[in-house]
PDB file of N, CA and C in Angstrom:
ATOM      1  N   UNK A   1      90.862   3.895  -0.903  1.00  0.00           N
ATOM      2  CA  UNK A   1      91.489   3.105  -1.945  1.00  0.00           C
ATOM      3  C   UNK A   1      91.929   4.061  -3.065  1.00  0.00           C
ATOM      4  N   UNK A   2      93.192   4.108  -3.322  1.00  0.00           N
ATOM      5  CA  UNK A   2      93.716   4.991  -4.361  1.00  0.00           C
ATOM      6  C   UNK A   2      94.281   4.150  -5.503  1.00  0.00           C
ATOM      7  N   UNK A   3      94.260   4.754  -6.668  1.00  0.00           N
ATOM      8  CA  UNK A   3      94.797   4.079  -7.851  1.00  0.00           C
ATOM      9  C   UNK A   3      96.314   4.108  -7.838  1.00  0.00           C
ATOM     10  N   UNK A   4      96.962   3.052  -8.329  1.00  0.00           N
ATOM     11  CA  UNK A   4      98.427   3.092  -8.387  1.00  0.00           C
ATOM     12  C   UNK A   4      98.879   4.078  -9.460  1.00  0.00           C
ATOM     13  N   UNK A   5     100.020   4.684  -9.228  1.00  0.00           N
ATOM     14  CA  UNK A   5     100.558   5.641 -10.188  1.00  0.00           C
ATOM     15  C   UNK A   5     100.995   4.889 -11.445  1.00  0.00           C
ATOM     16  N   UNK A   6     100.744   5.465 -12.625  1.00  0.00           N
ATOM     17  CA  UNK A   6     101.197   4.798 -13.857  1.00  0.00           C
ATOM     18  C   UNK A   6     102.719   4.849 -13.976  1.00  0.00           C
ATOM     19  N   UNK A   7     103.274   3.805 -14.520  1.00  0.00           N
ATOM     20  CA  UNK A   7     104.720   3.739 -14.709  1.00  0.00           C
ATOM     21  C   UNK A   7     105.045   4.444 -16.022  1.00  0.00           C
ATOM     22  N   UNK A   8     105.636   5.618 -15.960  1.00  0.00           N
ATOM     23  CA  UNK A   8     105.947   6.384 -17.154  1.00  0.00           C
ATOM     24  C   UNK A   8     107.426   6.302 -17.514  1.00  0.00           C
ATOM     25  N   UNK A   9     108.272   6.068 -16.524  1.00  0.00           N
ATOM     26  CA  UNK A   9     109.699   6.044 -16.797  1.00  0.00           C
ATOM     27  C   UNK A   9     110.060   4.770 -17.573  1.00  0.00           C
ATOM     28  N   UNK A  10     110.662   4.963 -18.746  1.00  0.00           N
ATOM     29  CA  UNK A  10     111.082   3.826 -19.557  1.00  0.00           C
ATOM     30  C   UNK A  10     109.954   3.196 -20.354  1.00  0.00           C
ATOM     31  N   UNK A  11     108.795   3.850 -20.394  1.00  0.00           N
ATOM     32  CA  UNK A  11     107.653   3.265 -21.093  1.00  0.00           C
ATOM     33  C   UNK A  11     107.891   3.174 -22.604  1.00  0.00           C
ATOM     34  N   UNK A  12     108.463   4.218 -23.202  1.00  0.00           N
ATOM     35  CA  UNK A  12     108.727   4.200 -24.640  1.00  0.00           C
ATOM     36  C   UNK A  12     109.712   3.100 -25.006  1.00  0.00           C
ATOM     37  N   UNK A  13     110.786   2.990 -24.258  1.00  0.00           N
ATOM     38  CA  UNK A  13     111.789   1.965 -24.536  1.00  0.00           C
ATOM     39  C   UNK A  13     111.206   0.569 -24.367  1.00  0.00           C
ATOM     40  N   UNK A  14     110.367   0.406 -23.364  1.00  0.00           N
ATOM     41  CA  UNK A  14     109.747  -0.898 -23.127  1.00  0.00           C
ATOM     42  C   UNK A  14     108.821  -1.287 -24.281  1.00  0.00           C
ATOM     43  N   UNK A  15     108.014  -0.320 -24.731  1.00  0.00           N
ATOM     44  CA  UNK A  15     107.088  -0.618 -25.821  1.00  0.00           C
ATOM     45  C   UNK A  15     107.814  -0.798 -27.148  1.00  0.00           C
ATOM     46  N   UNK A  16     108.884  -0.039 -27.366  1.00  0.00           N
ATOM     47  CA  UNK A  16     109.667  -0.202 -28.591  1.00  0.00           C
ATOM     48  C   UNK A  16     110.361  -1.555 -28.629  1.00  0.00           C
ATOM     49  N   UNK A  17     110.859  -2.002 -27.495  1.00  0.00           N
ATOM     50  CA  UNK A  17     111.499  -3.317 -27.432  1.00  0.00           C
ATOM     51  C   UNK A  17     110.527  -4.414 -27.840  1.00  0.00           C
ATOM     52  N   UNK A  18     109.253  -4.206 -27.585  1.00  0.00           N
ATOM     53  CA  UNK A  18     108.244  -5.197 -27.934  1.00  0.00           C
ATOM     54  C   UNK A  18     107.762  -5.034 -29.380  1.00  0.00           C
ATOM     55  N   UNK A  19     107.476  -3.795 -29.794  1.00  0.00           N
ATOM     56  CA  UNK A  19     106.833  -3.573 -31.087  1.00  0.00           C
ATOM     57  C   UNK A  19     107.791  -3.476 -32.272  1.00  0.00           C
ATOM     58  N   UNK A  20     109.006  -3.042 -32.071  1.00  0.00           N
ATOM     59  CA  UNK A  20     109.938  -2.874 -33.181  1.00  0.00           C
ATOM     60  C   UNK A  20     110.283  -4.189 -33.881  1.00  0.00           C
ATOM     61  N   UNK A  21     110.624  -5.254 -33.185  1.00  0.00           N
ATOM     62  CA  UNK A  21     110.893  -6.519 -33.897  1.00  0.00           C
ATOM     63  C   UNK A  21     109.653  -7.054 -34.633  1.00  0.00           C
ATOM     64  N   UNK A  22     108.488  -6.855 -34.056  1.00  0.00           N
ATOM     65  CA  UNK A  22     107.262  -7.309 -34.720  1.00  0.00           C
ATOM     66  C   UNK A  22     107.036  -6.524 -36.004  1.00  0.00           C
ATOM     67  N   UNK A  23     107.216  -5.205 -35.944  1.00  0.00           N
ATOM     68  CA  UNK A  23     107.042  -4.370 -37.129  1.00  0.00           C
ATOM     69  C   UNK A  23     108.064  -4.730 -38.200  1.00  0.00           C
ATOM     70  N   UNK A  24     109.297  -4.970 -37.808  1.00  0.00           N
ATOM     71  CA  UNK A  24     110.334  -5.349 -38.762  1.00  0.00           C
ATOM     72  C   UNK A  24     110.011  -6.693 -39.414  1.00  0.00           C
ATOM     73  N   UNK A  25     109.591  -7.660 -38.625  1.00  0.00           N
ATOM     74  CA  UNK A  25     109.262  -8.983 -39.171  1.00  0.00           C
ATOM     75  C   UNK A  25     108.063  -8.910 -40.119  1.00  0.00           C
ATOM     76  N   UNK A  26     107.035  -8.157 -39.746  1.00  0.00           N
ATOM     77  CA  UNK A  26     105.865  -8.038 -40.625  1.00  0.00           C
ATOM     78  C   UNK A  26     106.202  -7.325 -41.922  1.00  0.00           C
ATOM     79  N   UNK A  27     107.052  -6.313 -41.863  1.00  0.00           N
ATOM     80  CA  UNK A  27     107.433  -5.622 -43.094  1.00  0.00           C
ATOM     81  C   UNK A  27     108.268  -6.532 -43.989  1.00  0.00           C
ATOM     82  N   UNK A  28     109.127  -7.329 -43.403  1.00  0.00           N
ATOM     83  CA  UNK A  28     109.934  -8.263 -44.183  1.00  0.00           C
ATOM     84  C   UNK A  28     109.051  -9.324 -44.834  1.00  0.00           C
ATOM     85  N   UNK A  29     108.091  -9.840 -44.095  1.00  0.00           N
ATOM     86  CA  UNK A  29     107.173 -10.850 -44.639  1.00  0.00           C
ATOM     87  C   UNK A  29     106.333 -10.263 -45.765  1.00  0.00           C
ATOM     88  N   UNK A  30     105.852  -9.033 -45.589  1.00  0.00           N
ATOM     89  CA  UNK A  30     105.028  -8.426 -46.638  1.00  0.00           C
ATOM     90  C   UNK A  30     105.858  -8.125 -47.884  1.00  0.00           C
ATOM     91  N   UNK A  31     107.121  -7.727 -47.723  1.00  0.00           N
ATOM     92  CA  UNK A  31     107.981  -7.466 -48.880  1.00  0.00           C
ATOM     93  C   UNK A  31     108.250  -8.761 -49.654  1.00  0.00           C
ATOM     94  N   UNK A  32     108.513  -9.842 -48.958  1.00  0.00           N
ATOM     95  CA  UNK A  32     108.754 -11.126 -49.625  1.00  0.00           C
ATOM     96  C   UNK A  32     107.480 -11.626 -50.296  1.00  0.00           C
ATOM     97  N   UNK A  33     106.347 -11.447 -49.633  1.00  0.00           N
ATOM     98  CA  UNK A  33     105.077 -11.876 -50.234  1.00  0.00           C
ATOM     99  C   UNK A  33     104.768 -11.067 -51.485  1.00  0.00           C
ATOM    100  N   UNK A  34     105.045  -9.777 -51.480  1.00  0.00           N
ATOM    101  CA  UNK A  34     104.811  -8.949 -52.664  1.00  0.00           C
ATOM    102  C   UNK A  34     105.740  -9.358 -53.796  1.00  0.00           C
ATOM    103  N   UNK A  35     107.004  -9.646 -53.462  1.00  0.00           N
ATOM    104  CA  UNK A  35     107.957 -10.041 -54.495  1.00  0.00           C
ATOM    105  C   UNK A  35     107.530 -11.324 -55.183  1.00  0.00           C
ATOM    106  N   UNK A  36     107.182 -12.335 -54.408  1.00  0.00           N
ATOM    107  CA  UNK A  36     106.844 -13.617 -55.012  1.00  0.00           C
ATOM    108  C   UNK A  36     105.372 -13.736 -55.388  1.00  0.00           C
ATOM    109  N   UNK A  37     104.521 -12.869 -54.874  1.00  0.00           N
ATOM    110  CA  UNK A  37     103.105 -12.932 -55.216  1.00  0.00           C
ATOM    111  C   UNK A  37     102.711 -12.024 -56.357  1.00  0.00           C
ATOM    112  N   UNK A  38     103.496 -10.944 -56.583  1.00  0.00           N
ATOM    113  CA  UNK A  38     103.129  -9.975 -57.607  1.00  0.00           C
ATOM    114  C   UNK A  38     104.210  -9.830 -58.674  1.00  0.00           C
ATOM    115  N   UNK A  39     105.428  -9.506 -58.265  1.00  0.00           N
ATOM    116  CA  UNK A  39     106.439  -9.152 -59.257  1.00  0.00           C
ATOM    117  C   UNK A  39     106.955 -10.353 -60.049  1.00  0.00           C
ATOM    118  N   UNK A  40     107.159 -11.471 -59.403  1.00  0.00           N
ATOM    119  CA  UNK A  40     107.655 -12.642 -60.138  1.00  0.00           C
ATOM    120  C   UNK A  40     106.639 -13.148 -61.169  1.00  0.00           C
ATOM    121  N   UNK A  41     105.341 -13.287 -60.834  1.00  0.00           N
ATOM    122  CA  UNK A  41     104.388 -13.677 -61.878  1.00  0.00           C
ATOM    123  C   UNK A  41     104.280 -12.638 -62.994  1.00  0.00           C
ATOM    124  N   UNK A  42     104.423 -11.359 -62.647  1.00  0.00           N
ATOM    125  CA  UNK A  42     104.367 -10.316 -63.676  1.00  0.00           C
ATOM    126  C   UNK A  42     105.561 -10.422 -64.614  1.00  0.00           C
ATOM    127  N   UNK A  43     106.746 -10.652 -64.067  1.00  0.00           N
ATOM    128  CA  UNK A  43     107.928 -10.814 -64.915  1.00  0.00           C
ATOM    129  C   UNK A  43     107.789 -12.041 -65.802  1.00  0.00           C
ATOM    130  N   UNK A  44     107.233 -13.112 -65.267  1.00  0.00           N
ATOM    131  CA  UNK A  44     107.035 -14.326 -66.059  1.00  0.00           C
ATOM    132  C   UNK A  44     106.014 -14.101 -67.166  1.00  0.00           C
ATOM    133  N   UNK A  45     104.961 -13.339 -66.886  1.00  0.00           N
ATOM    134  CA  UNK A  45     103.954 -13.043 -67.907  1.00  0.00           C
ATOM    135  C   UNK A  45     104.552 -12.213 -69.038  1.00  0.00           C
ATOM    136  N   UNK A  46     105.378 -11.224 -68.694  1.00  0.00           N
ATOM    137  CA  UNK A  46     106.049 -10.439 -69.725  1.00  0.00           C
ATOM    138  C   UNK A  46     106.986 -11.307 -70.540  1.00  0.00           C
ATOM    139  N   UNK A  47     107.737 -12.181 -69.891  1.00  0.00           N
ATOM    140  CA  UNK A  47     108.661 -13.058 -70.609  1.00  0.00           C
ATOM    141  C   UNK A  47     107.904 -13.985 -71.552  1.00  0.00           C
ATOM    142  N   UNK A  48     106.783 -14.539 -71.106  1.00  0.00           N
ATOM    143  CA  UNK A  48     105.986 -15.413 -71.971  1.00  0.00           C
ATOM    144  C   UNK A  48     105.398 -14.648 -73.151  1.00  0.00           C
ATOM    145  N   UNK A  49     104.958 -13.399 -72.906  1.00  0.00           N
ATOM    146  CA  UNK A  49     104.381 -12.604 -73.987  1.00  0.00           C
ATOM    147  C   UNK A  49     105.424 -12.298 -75.049  1.00  0.00           C
ATOM    148  N   UNK A  50     106.589 -11.841 -74.640  1.00  0.00           N
ATOM    149  CA  UNK A  50     107.608 -11.448 -75.610  1.00  0.00           C
ATOM    150  C   UNK A  50     108.342 -12.637 -76.215  1.00  0.00           C
ATOM    151  N   UNK A  51     108.153 -13.817 -75.669  1.00  0.00           N
ATOM    152  CA  UNK A  51     108.748 -15.004 -76.262  1.00  0.00           C
ATOM    153  C   UNK A  51     108.088 -15.318 -77.613  1.00  0.00           C
ATOM    154  N   UNK A  52     106.797 -15.047 -77.727  1.00  0.00           N
ATOM    155  CA  UNK A  52     106.058 -15.365 -78.952  1.00  0.00           C
ATOM    156  C   UNK A  52     105.586 -14.114 -79.691  1.00  0.00           C
ATOM    157  N   UNK A  53     106.086 -12.938 -79.322  1.00  0.00           N
ATOM    158  CA  UNK A  53     105.644 -11.681 -79.925  1.00  0.00           C
ATOM    159  C   UNK A  53     106.445 -11.410 -81.185  1.00  0.00           C
ATOM    160  N   UNK A  54     105.742 -11.114 -82.276  1.00  0.00           N
ATOM    161  CA  UNK A  54     106.385 -10.783 -83.542  1.00  0.00           C
ATOM    162  C   UNK A  54     106.065  -9.329 -83.853  1.00  0.00           C
ATOM    163  N   UNK A  55     107.047  -8.459 -83.694  1.00  0.00           N
ATOM    164  CA  UNK A  55     106.803  -7.025 -83.872  1.00  0.00           C
ATOM    165  C   UNK A  55     106.552  -6.665 -85.328  1.00  0.00           C
ATOM    166  N   UNK A  56     107.183  -7.383 -86.253  1.00  0.00           N
ATOM    167  CA  UNK A  56     106.966  -7.089 -87.677  1.00  0.00           C
ATOM    168  C   UNK A  56     105.537  -7.458 -88.068  1.00  0.00           C
ATOM    169  N   UNK A  57     105.052  -8.582 -87.606  1.00  0.00           N
ATOM    170  CA  UNK A  57     103.676  -8.988 -87.886  1.00  0.00           C
ATOM    171  C   UNK A  57     102.687  -7.983 -87.288  1.00  0.00           C
ATOM    172  N   UNK A  58     102.971  -7.522 -86.078  1.00  0.00           N
ATOM    173  CA  UNK A  58     102.110  -6.532 -85.425  1.00  0.00           C
ATOM    174  C   UNK A  58     102.130  -5.200 -86.179  1.00  0.00           C
ATOM    175  N   UNK A  59     103.314  -4.795 -86.650  1.00  0.00           N
ATOM    176  CA  UNK A  59     103.422  -3.569 -87.427  1.00  0.00           C
ATOM    177  C   UNK A  59     102.625  -3.671 -88.720  1.00  0.00           C
ATOM    178  N   UNK A  60     102.740  -4.795 -89.415  1.00  0.00           N
ATOM    179  CA  UNK A  60     101.990  -4.967 -90.665  1.00  0.00           C
ATOM    180  C   UNK A  60     100.488  -4.960 -90.422  1.00  0.00           C
ATOM    181  N   UNK A  61     100.047  -5.536 -89.328  1.00  0.00           N
ATOM    182  CA  UNK A  61      98.615  -5.533 -89.008  1.00  0.00           C
ATOM    183  C   UNK A  61      98.133  -4.106 -88.728  1.00  0.00           C
ATOM    184  N   UNK A  62      98.932  -3.323 -88.010  1.00  0.00           N
ATOM    185  CA  UNK A  62      98.543  -1.932 -87.737  1.00  0.00           C
ATOM    186  C   UNK A  62      98.604  -1.087 -89.007  1.00  0.00           C
ATOM    187  N   UNK A  63      99.568  -1.399 -89.870  1.00  0.00           N
ATOM    188  CA  UNK A  63      99.685  -0.665 -91.133  1.00  0.00           C
ATOM    189  C   UNK A  63      98.468  -0.914 -92.005  1.00  0.00           C
ATOM    190  N   UNK A  64      98.036  -2.163 -92.082  1.00  0.00           N
ATOM    191  CA  UNK A  64      96.865  -2.507 -92.891  1.00  0.00           C
ATOM    192  C   UNK A  64      95.585  -1.940 -92.295  1.00  0.00           C
ATOM    193  N   UNK A  65      95.559  -1.734 -90.990  1.00  0.00           N
ATOM    194  CA  UNK A  65      94.381  -1.155 -90.344  1.00  0.00           C
ATOM    195  C   UNK A  65      94.305   0.352 -90.544  1.00  0.00           C
ATOM    196  N   UNK A  66      95.405   0.960 -91.024  1.00  0.00           N
ATOM    197  CA  UNK A  66      95.409   2.388 -91.279  1.00  0.00           C
ATOM    198  C   UNK A  66      95.661   3.231 -90.045  1.00  0.00           C
ATOM    199  N   UNK A  67      96.356   2.700 -89.074  1.00  0.00           N
ATOM    200  CA  UNK A  67      96.615   3.430 -87.839  1.00  0.00           C
ATOM    201  C   UNK A  67      97.657   4.531 -88.051  1.00  0.00           C
ATOM    202  N   UNK A  68      98.665   4.256 -88.862  1.00  0.00           N
ATOM    203  CA  UNK A  68      99.769   5.202 -89.049  1.00  0.00           C
ATOM    204  C   UNK A  68      99.440   6.209 -90.136  1.00  0.00           C
ATOM    205  N   UNK A  69      99.821   7.471 -89.909  1.00  0.00           N
ATOM    206  CA  UNK A  69      99.617   8.501 -90.922  1.00  0.00           C
ATOM    207  C   UNK A  69     100.764   8.520 -91.925  1.00  0.00           C
ATOM    208  N   UNK A  70     101.953   8.111 -91.539  1.00  0.00           N
ATOM    209  CA  UNK A  70     103.098   8.200 -92.416  1.00  0.00           C
ATOM    210  C   UNK A  70     103.305   6.956 -93.275  1.00  0.00           C
ATOM    211  N   UNK A  71     102.557   5.898 -93.008  1.00  0.00           N
ATOM    212  CA  UNK A  71     102.702   4.650 -93.772  1.00  0.00           C
ATOM    213  C   UNK A  71     101.339   4.306 -94.345  1.00  0.00           C
ATOM    214  N   UNK A  72     101.281   4.129 -95.636  1.00  0.00           N
ATOM    215  CA  UNK A  72     100.011   3.798 -96.282  1.00  0.00           C
ATOM    216  C   UNK A  72      99.786   2.285 -96.285  1.00  0.00           C
ATOM    217  N   UNK A  73      98.551   1.871 -96.193  1.00  0.00           N
ATOM    218  CA  UNK A  73      98.262   0.434 -96.321  1.00  0.00           C
ATOM    219  C   UNK A  73      98.623  -0.042 -97.712  1.00  0.00           C
ATOM    220  N   UNK A  74      98.900  -1.329 -97.842  1.00  0.00           N
ATOM    221  CA  UNK A  74      99.346  -1.873 -99.129  1.00  0.00           C
ATOM    222  C   UNK A  74      98.214  -1.903-100.151  1.00  0.00           C
ATOM    223  N   UNK A  75      96.961  -1.790 -99.722  1.00  0.00           N
ATOM    224  CA  UNK A  75      95.833  -1.799-100.652  1.00  0.00           C
ATOM    225  C   UNK A  75      95.649  -0.487-101.395  1.00  0.00           C
ATOM    226  N   UNK A  76      96.269   0.579-100.907  1.00  0.00           N
ATOM    227  CA  UNK A  76      96.093   1.884-101.571  1.00  0.00           C
ATOM    228  C   UNK A  76      97.181   2.163-102.545  1.00  0.00           C
TER     229      UNK A  76
END
């Protein structure tokens, strides 16, 4: 009883025909999931933050805290 010879001719093409569409579909699904699972909520969070952000108020708070060397707090 002898073992059958392995089929080597066309093996790469056969396996690529099977695995390439699967790899492409999984990469497409993961890219769409990342876009709508990570980037869209992040963009919305930034938009919500800057919708109510007052840079002048923040600057005055940092000025009064004494963070800046070139701007003195109003109490001095």
